[in-house]
C-alpha cells in the first residue's frame, strides 16, 4: 500500500471510530489484522510512556477526589453503598497504579 493510500485508509478508520463503531467492527470493515489496527491507532493517536504516566496521575487524583466524600460517609455513617463505591474506586486505583514493588512492603 502506498503512503498516500495508507494515510487515506487511516483517516477513514479515524472517521469510523469517531462515528462510534467498535474496534472489532472497524477491523472487519477494513480487513485489518489486530497488528494492522494497532499500527493505525498508533499513527493516528500516538501515546508515549510519558503521556500514559500523566494520564494515570490525572486519573488517580480524580479518583481520590471522587472517593473522599463516599469514604467519609462509609466510615462516619456506616453507609454500605458508599463503602462499596470506595472499594470499587480502590480496585480501579490498583488497576491503574499496580501493586507496590516487593521491597516497598519490607
Protein backbone atom coordinates (compact mmCIF):
# COMPACT_ATOMS: atom_id res chain seq x y z
CA UNK A 1 0.00 0.00 0.00
CA UNK A 2 1.39 3.43 -0.91
CA UNK A 3 1.90 6.09 1.73
CA UNK A 4 -1.00 8.14 0.34
CA UNK A 5 -3.34 5.16 0.29
CA UNK A 6 -2.25 4.27 3.83
CA UNK A 7 -2.95 7.81 5.04
CA UNK A 8 -6.37 7.81 3.36
CA UNK A 9 -7.26 4.46 4.94
CA UNK A 10 -6.08 5.70 8.34
CA UNK A 11 -8.34 8.75 8.00
CA UNK A 12 -11.31 6.54 7.12
CA UNK A 13 -10.56 4.38 10.14
CA UNK A 14 -10.41 7.51 12.33
CA UNK A 15 -13.79 8.65 11.00
CA UNK A 16 -15.30 5.21 11.65
CA UNK A 17 -14.02 5.19 15.23
CA UNK A 18 -15.17 8.78 15.81
CA UNK A 19 -18.60 7.77 14.48
CA UNK A 20 -18.81 5.24 17.30
CA UNK A 21 -18.04 1.97 15.53
CA UNK A 22 -16.33 -0.62 17.70
CA UNK A 23 -12.73 -1.57 17.02
CA UNK A 24 -13.92 -5.06 16.11
CA UNK A 25 -16.33 -3.63 13.50
CA UNK A 26 -13.60 -1.36 12.14
CA UNK A 27 -11.21 -4.31 11.83
CA UNK A 28 -13.82 -6.25 9.86
CA UNK A 29 -14.83 -3.28 7.70
CA UNK A 30 -11.26 -2.51 6.64
CA UNK A 31 -9.98 -6.12 6.70
CA UNK A 32 -7.32 -5.29 9.28
CA UNK A 33 -5.42 -7.70 11.49
CA UNK A 34 -5.03 -6.75 15.13
CA UNK A 35 -1.45 -5.69 14.42
CA UNK A 36 -2.58 -3.56 11.46
CA UNK A 37 -5.23 -1.85 13.60
CA UNK A 38 -2.69 -1.24 16.38
CA UNK A 39 -0.41 0.41 13.80
CA UNK A 40 -3.23 2.61 12.52
CA UNK A 41 -4.15 3.68 16.07
CA UNK A 42 -0.52 4.44 16.89
CA UNK A 43 -0.17 6.58 13.74
CA UNK A 44 -3.45 8.39 14.40
CA UNK A 45 -3.11 8.96 18.12
CA UNK A 46 0.42 8.22 19.34
CA UNK A 47 0.69 7.84 23.10
CA UNK A 48 4.15 7.60 24.59
CA UNK A 49 5.15 6.46 28.05
CA UNK A 50 5.21 9.99 29.49
CA UNK A 51 1.67 10.63 28.23
CA UNK A 52 0.47 7.39 29.83
CA UNK A 53 2.03 8.34 33.15
CA UNK A 54 0.40 11.81 33.00
CA UNK A 55 -2.99 10.25 32.31
CA UNK A 56 -2.60 7.79 35.18
CA UNK A 57 -1.57 10.56 37.59
CA UNK A 58 -4.54 12.68 36.50
CA UNK A 59 -6.92 9.76 36.92
CA UNK A 60 -5.52 8.89 40.35
CA UNK A 61 -6.11 12.46 41.51
CA UNK A 62 -9.64 12.50 40.16
CA UNK A 63 -10.48 9.13 41.69
CA UNK A 64 -9.12 10.21 45.07
CA UNK A 65 -11.26 13.38 44.96
CA UNK A 66 -14.32 11.42 43.86
CA UNK A 67 -13.84 8.86 46.60
CA UNK A 68 -13.30 11.25 49.55
CA UNK A 69 -16.93 12.10 50.39
CA UNK A 70 -18.04 8.49 50.00
CA UNK A 71 -15.23 7.28 52.24
CA UNK A 72 -16.38 9.72 54.92
CA UNK A 73 -20.00 8.52 54.64
CA UNK A 74 -18.92 4.90 54.77
CA UNK A 75 -16.79 5.42 57.89
CA UNK A 76 -18.90 8.02 59.70
CA UNK A 77 -22.39 6.69 58.92
CA UNK A 78 -21.70 3.07 58.07
CA UNK A 79 -23.27 3.71 54.66
CA UNK A 80 -22.86 0.39 52.83
CA UNK A 81 -23.40 1.70 49.25
CA UNK A 82 -20.72 4.34 49.89
CA UNK A 83 -18.40 1.63 51.18
CA UNK A 84 -18.99 -0.45 48.06
CA UNK A 85 -18.19 2.54 45.87
CA UNK A 86 -14.98 3.17 47.82
CA UNK A 87 -13.92 -0.45 47.28
CA UNK A 88 -14.60 -0.10 43.55
CA UNK A 89 -12.51 3.07 43.41
CA UNK A 90 -9.67 1.32 45.26
CA UNK A 91 -9.88 -1.53 42.74
CA UNK A 92 -9.60 0.96 39.89
CA UNK A 93 -6.67 2.72 41.56
CA UNK A 94 -4.85 -0.58 41.96
CA UNK A 95 -5.53 -1.38 38.31
CA UNK A 96 -4.04 1.97 37.27
CA UNK A 97 -1.05 2.01 39.55
CA UNK A 98 -0.43 -1.70 40.06
CA UNK A 99 0.93 -3.43 43.14
CA UNK A 100 3.72 -1.93 45.16
CA UNK A 101 7.17 -3.37 44.45
CA UNK A 102 8.10 -6.19 46.84
CA UNK A 103 10.77 -4.05 48.52
CA UNK A 104 8.13 -1.45 49.50
CA UNK A 105 6.45 -3.99 51.81
CA UNK A 106 9.53 -4.62 53.91
